[in-house]
Amino acid sequence: MIRVNFYDSAEDELLRFAVIVARSGSRWVFCRHRERETWECPGGHREPGERIEETAGRELYEETGALVYELHPVCVYSVVREGTGEPESFGMLYLAEIEKFEGKLHSEIEEIVLTRELPERWTYPEIQPKLLARCGEMFRAGKVFRAQEE
């Protein structure tokens, strides 16, 4: 079983990855890795010497081709794989509003989709819906920007 925890902050050195819940106008932006048939939020691991916000921007560009965007931190989150003995792993959750895409992808991502509906097949079904829900909570509370409505 996987448990997702949310925190207001954490020590910077604990943050190993960034995940970005992305929108463009009133549509969600999801990507599909070339080796999978499932959908995911853009994100990935932090490179040595990289600030976590740089990780988020790099991954957003690599996985969606986003050129012009607003990036807002939402919160720290962690994943605990109960019963495995693995340590709790921490990441930073962001919300992005993408204004302009490059048009070609530069990483292992096969395609992106802009949609009003959430995917039925998630790459990480025990994690990603919880991250989107948390972004929704923070959005409704006015703690992150209000995306454009069509």
C-alpha atoms as a PDB file:
ATOM      1  CA  MET A   1       0.000   0.000   0.000  1.00  0.00           C
ATOM      2  CA  ILE A   2       1.179   3.507  -0.832  1.00  0.00           C
ATOM      3  CA  ARG A   3       0.548   6.468   1.435  1.00  0.00           C
ATOM      4  CA  VAL A   4       0.921  10.078   0.260  1.00  0.00           C
ATOM      5  CA  ASN A   5       1.635  12.750   2.889  1.00  0.00           C
ATOM      6  CA  PHE A   6       1.560  16.529   2.462  1.00  0.00           C
ATOM      7  CA  TYR A   7       3.761  19.055   4.271  1.00  0.00           C
ATOM      8  CA  ASP A   8       4.108  22.826   4.282  1.00  0.00           C
ATOM      9  CA  SER A   9       7.883  22.532   4.069  1.00  0.00           C
ATOM     10  CA  ALA A  10      10.852  20.183   4.345  1.00  0.00           C
ATOM     11  CA  GLU A  11      14.614  20.432   4.396  1.00  0.00           C
ATOM     12  CA  ASP A  12      15.815  21.174   0.866  1.00  0.00           C
ATOM     13  CA  GLU A  13      18.170  18.198   0.746  1.00  0.00           C
ATOM     14  CA  LEU A  14      15.195  15.834   1.259  1.00  0.00           C
ATOM     15  CA  LEU A  15      13.497  16.996  -1.967  1.00  0.00           C
ATOM     16  CA  ARG A  16      14.492  14.404  -4.573  1.00  0.00           C
ATOM     17  CA  PHE A  17      11.934  15.076  -7.299  1.00  0.00           C
ATOM     18  CA  ALA A  18       9.420  17.610  -8.621  1.00  0.00           C
ATOM     19  CA  VAL A  19       5.965  16.915 -10.018  1.00  0.00           C
ATOM     20  CA  ILE A  20       3.983  19.524 -11.909  1.00  0.00           C
ATOM     21  CA  VAL A  21       0.205  19.553 -12.242  1.00  0.00           C
ATOM     22  CA  ALA A  22      -0.049  21.490 -15.498  1.00  0.00           C
ATOM     23  CA  ARG A  23      -2.850  23.332 -17.244  1.00  0.00           C
ATOM     24  CA  SER A  24      -3.101  25.269 -20.459  1.00  0.00           C
ATOM     25  CA  GLY A  25      -6.164  27.501 -20.425  1.00  0.00           C
ATOM     26  CA  SER A  26      -8.934  25.336 -19.029  1.00  0.00           C
ATOM     27  CA  ARG A  27      -7.322  22.027 -20.027  1.00  0.00           C
ATOM     28  CA  TRP A  28      -5.114  19.630 -18.112  1.00  0.00           C
ATOM     29  CA  VAL A  29      -1.747  18.737 -19.626  1.00  0.00           C
ATOM     30  CA  PHE A  30      -0.647  15.117 -19.254  1.00  0.00           C
ATOM     31  CA  CYS A  31       2.171  13.189 -20.869  1.00  0.00           C
ATOM     32  CA  ARG A  32       2.750   9.582 -21.909  1.00  0.00           C
ATOM     33  CA  HIS A  33       6.166   7.932 -21.710  1.00  0.00           C
ATOM     34  CA  ARG A  34       7.134   6.071 -24.887  1.00  0.00           C
ATOM     35  CA  GLU A  35       7.424   2.770 -22.977  1.00  0.00           C
ATOM     36  CA  ARG A  36       3.984   3.001 -21.311  1.00  0.00           C
ATOM     37  CA  GLU A  37       0.340   3.274 -22.306  1.00  0.00           C
ATOM     38  CA  THR A  38      -0.582   5.277 -19.198  1.00  0.00           C
ATOM     39  CA  TRP A  39      -0.721   9.014 -18.480  1.00  0.00           C
ATOM     40  CA  GLU A  40       1.161  11.067 -15.935  1.00  0.00           C
ATOM     41  CA  CYS A  41       1.877  14.560 -14.724  1.00  0.00           C
ATOM     42  CA  PRO A  42       5.182  16.023 -15.886  1.00  0.00           C
ATOM     43  CA  GLY A  43       7.967  15.563 -13.362  1.00  0.00           C
ATOM     44  CA  GLY A  44      11.171  13.832 -12.493  1.00  0.00           C
ATOM     45  CA  HIS A  45      14.259  13.543 -10.362  1.00  0.00           C
ATOM     46  CA  ARG A  46      16.452  16.394  -9.249  1.00  0.00           C
ATOM     47  CA  GLU A  47      19.905  16.584 -10.813  1.00  0.00           C
ATOM     48  CA  PRO A  48      23.003  17.191  -8.630  1.00  0.00           C
ATOM     49  CA  GLY A  49      23.454  20.895  -7.869  1.00  0.00           C
ATOM     50  CA  GLU A  50      19.994  21.777  -9.178  1.00  0.00           C
ATOM     51  CA  ARG A  51      17.498  23.859  -7.185  1.00  0.00           C
ATOM     52  CA  ILE A  52      14.152  22.080  -6.915  1.00  0.00           C
ATOM     53  CA  GLU A  53      12.428  24.880  -8.852  1.00  0.00           C
ATOM     54  CA  GLU A  54      14.974  24.377 -11.644  1.00  0.00           C
ATOM     55  CA  THR A  55      14.057  20.677 -11.639  1.00  0.00           C
ATOM     56  CA  ALA A  56      10.387  21.571 -12.076  1.00  0.00           C
ATOM     57  CA  GLY A  57      11.092  23.968 -14.952  1.00  0.00           C
ATOM     58  CA  ARG A  58      13.452  21.545 -16.701  1.00  0.00           C
ATOM     59  CA  GLU A  59      11.055  18.615 -16.411  1.00  0.00           C
ATOM     60  CA  LEU A  60       8.089  20.719 -17.552  1.00  0.00           C
ATOM     61  CA  TYR A  61      10.029  21.751 -20.665  1.00  0.00           C
ATOM     62  CA  GLU A  62      11.459  18.290 -21.389  1.00  0.00           C
ATOM     63  CA  GLU A  63       8.159  16.472 -20.961  1.00  0.00           C
ATOM     64  CA  THR A  64       5.686  18.954 -22.481  1.00  0.00           C
ATOM     65  CA  GLY A  65       7.709  21.387 -24.583  1.00  0.00           C
ATOM     66  CA  ALA A  66       6.464  24.268 -22.402  1.00  0.00           C
ATOM     67  CA  LEU A  67       8.245  27.496 -23.359  1.00  0.00           C
ATOM     68  CA  VAL A  68       6.171  30.172 -21.632  1.00  0.00           C
ATOM     69  CA  TYR A  69       4.575  29.285 -18.305  1.00  0.00           C
ATOM     70  CA  GLU A  70       3.871  30.342 -14.739  1.00  0.00           C
ATOM     71  CA  LEU A  71       5.131  27.908 -12.117  1.00  0.00           C
ATOM     72  CA  HIS A  72       3.794  28.004  -8.554  1.00  0.00           C
ATOM     73  CA  PRO A  73       4.885  25.847  -5.612  1.00  0.00           C
ATOM     74  CA  VAL A  74       1.976  24.056  -3.950  1.00  0.00           C
ATOM     75  CA  CYS A  75       3.545  21.977  -1.161  1.00  0.00           C
ATOM     76  CA  VAL A  76       6.010  19.271  -0.247  1.00  0.00           C
ATOM     77  CA  TYR A  77       4.717  15.742  -0.514  1.00  0.00           C
ATOM     78  CA  SER A  78       6.078  12.331   0.317  1.00  0.00           C
ATOM     79  CA  VAL A  79       5.427   8.773  -0.715  1.00  0.00           C
ATOM     80  CA  VAL A  80       5.598   5.919   1.773  1.00  0.00           C
ATOM     81  CA  ARG A  81       5.465   2.374   0.458  1.00  0.00           C
ATOM     82  CA  GLU A  82       4.142   0.680   3.566  1.00  0.00           C
ATOM     83  CA  GLY A  83       5.497  -2.724   4.468  1.00  0.00           C
ATOM     84  CA  THR A  84       8.537  -2.475   2.176  1.00  0.00           C
ATOM     85  CA  GLY A  85      11.040  -0.965   4.579  1.00  0.00           C
ATOM     86  CA  GLU A  86      11.848   1.707   1.977  1.00  0.00           C
ATOM     87  CA  PRO A  87      12.392   5.180   3.427  1.00  0.00           C
ATOM     88  CA  GLU A  88       9.845   7.941   2.911  1.00  0.00           C
ATOM     89  CA  SER A  89      10.721   9.810  -0.307  1.00  0.00           C
ATOM     90  CA  PHE A  90      10.068  13.556  -0.635  1.00  0.00           C
ATOM     91  CA  GLY A  91       9.279  15.783  -3.577  1.00  0.00           C
ATOM     92  CA  MET A  92       7.919  19.226  -4.351  1.00  0.00           C
ATOM     93  CA  LEU A  93       4.513  19.648  -5.958  1.00  0.00           C
ATOM     94  CA  TYR A  94       3.973  22.535  -8.391  1.00  0.00           C
ATOM     95  CA  LEU A  95       1.075  23.915 -10.366  1.00  0.00           C
ATOM     96  CA  ALA A  96       1.828  25.362 -13.808  1.00  0.00           C
ATOM     97  CA  GLU A  97      -0.159  27.387 -16.314  1.00  0.00           C
ATOM     98  CA  ILE A  98       1.408  26.874 -19.748  1.00  0.00           C
ATOM     99  CA  GLU A  99       0.917  29.672 -22.282  1.00  0.00           C
ATOM    100  CA  LYS A 100       3.108  28.440 -25.149  1.00  0.00           C
ATOM    101  CA  PHE A 101       4.472  25.061 -26.245  1.00  0.00           C
ATOM    102  CA  GLU A 102       7.516  24.406 -28.423  1.00  0.00           C
ATOM    103  CA  GLY A 103       5.770  21.813 -30.554  1.00  0.00           C
ATOM    104  CA  LYS A 104       8.304  18.998 -30.291  1.00  0.00           C
ATOM    105  CA  LEU A 105       9.341  16.825 -27.382  1.00  0.00           C
ATOM    106  CA  HIS A 106      12.934  16.243 -26.287  1.00  0.00           C
ATOM    107  CA  SER A 107      12.823  13.382 -23.851  1.00  0.00           C
ATOM    108  CA  GLU A 108      11.393   9.945 -23.332  1.00  0.00           C
ATOM    109  CA  ILE A 109       7.852  11.323 -23.645  1.00  0.00           C
ATOM    110  CA  GLU A 110       5.949  10.003 -26.670  1.00  0.00           C
ATOM    111  CA  GLU A 111       3.028  12.435 -26.562  1.00  0.00           C
ATOM    112  CA  ILE A 112       1.182  15.015 -24.536  1.00  0.00           C
ATOM    113  CA  VAL A 113      -2.541  15.594 -24.335  1.00  0.00           C
ATOM    114  CA  LEU A 114      -4.542  18.691 -23.422  1.00  0.00           C
ATOM    115  CA  THR A 115      -7.900  17.614 -22.024  1.00  0.00           C
ATOM    116  CA  ARG A 116     -10.730  18.690 -19.777  1.00  0.00           C
ATOM    117  CA  GLU A 117     -11.073  15.117 -18.461  1.00  0.00           C
ATOM    118  CA  LEU A 118      -8.730  13.312 -16.112  1.00  0.00           C
ATOM    119  CA  PRO A 119      -7.105  10.155 -17.474  1.00  0.00           C
ATOM    120  CA  GLU A 120      -8.634   6.775 -16.726  1.00  0.00           C
ATOM    121  CA  ARG A 121      -5.248   5.014 -16.867  1.00  0.00           C
ATOM    122  CA  TRP A 122      -2.617   6.622 -14.627  1.00  0.00           C
ATOM    123  CA  THR A 123       1.031   5.606 -14.477  1.00  0.00           C
ATOM    124  CA  TYR A 124       0.919   6.064 -10.686  1.00  0.00           C
ATOM    125  CA  PRO A 125      -2.761   5.576  -9.758  1.00  0.00           C
ATOM    126  CA  GLU A 126      -2.138   5.577  -6.003  1.00  0.00           C
ATOM    127  CA  ILE A 127      -0.246   8.890  -6.153  1.00  0.00           C
ATOM    128  CA  GLN A 128      -1.230  11.180  -9.040  1.00  0.00           C
ATOM    129  CA  PRO A 129      -4.962  11.601  -8.281  1.00  0.00           C
ATOM    130  CA  LYS A 130      -4.025  12.631  -4.719  1.00  0.00           C
ATOM    131  CA  LEU A 131      -1.600  15.251  -6.054  1.00  0.00           C
ATOM    132  CA  LEU A 132      -4.284  16.704  -8.328  1.00  0.00           C
ATOM    133  CA  ALA A 133      -6.743  16.742  -5.438  1.00  0.00           C
ATOM    134  CA  ARG A 134      -4.230  18.602  -3.274  1.00  0.00           C
ATOM    135  CA  CYS A 135      -3.684  21.189  -6.015  1.00  0.00           C
ATOM    136  CA  GLY A 136      -7.460  21.606  -6.219  1.00  0.00           C
ATOM    137  CA  GLU A 137      -7.680  22.185  -2.466  1.00  0.00           C
ATOM    138  CA  MET A 138      -4.918  24.798  -2.552  1.00  0.00           C
ATOM    139  CA  PHE A 139      -6.467  26.456  -5.611  1.00  0.00           C
ATOM    140  CA  ARG A 140      -9.906  26.712  -3.963  1.00  0.00           C
ATOM    141  CA  ALA A 141      -8.298  28.083  -0.797  1.00  0.00           C
ATOM    142  CA  GLY A 142      -6.668  30.837  -2.893  1.00  0.00           C
ATOM    143  CA  LYS A 143      -3.151  29.681  -2.054  1.00  0.00           C
ATOM    144  CA  VAL A 144      -2.127  29.187  -5.700  1.00  0.00           C
ATOM    145  CA  PHE A 145      -2.975  31.164  -8.829  1.00  0.00           C
ATOM    146  CA  ARG A 146      -6.321  30.974 -10.568  1.00  0.00           C
ATOM    147  CA  ALA A 147      -5.958  29.487 -14.052  1.00  0.00           C
ATOM    148  CA  GLN A 148      -7.898  31.033 -16.915  1.00  0.00           C
ATOM    149  CA  GLU A 149     -11.397  29.757 -17.503  1.00  0.00           C
ATOM    150  CA  GLU A 150     -12.774  29.347 -21.000  1.00  0.00           C
END
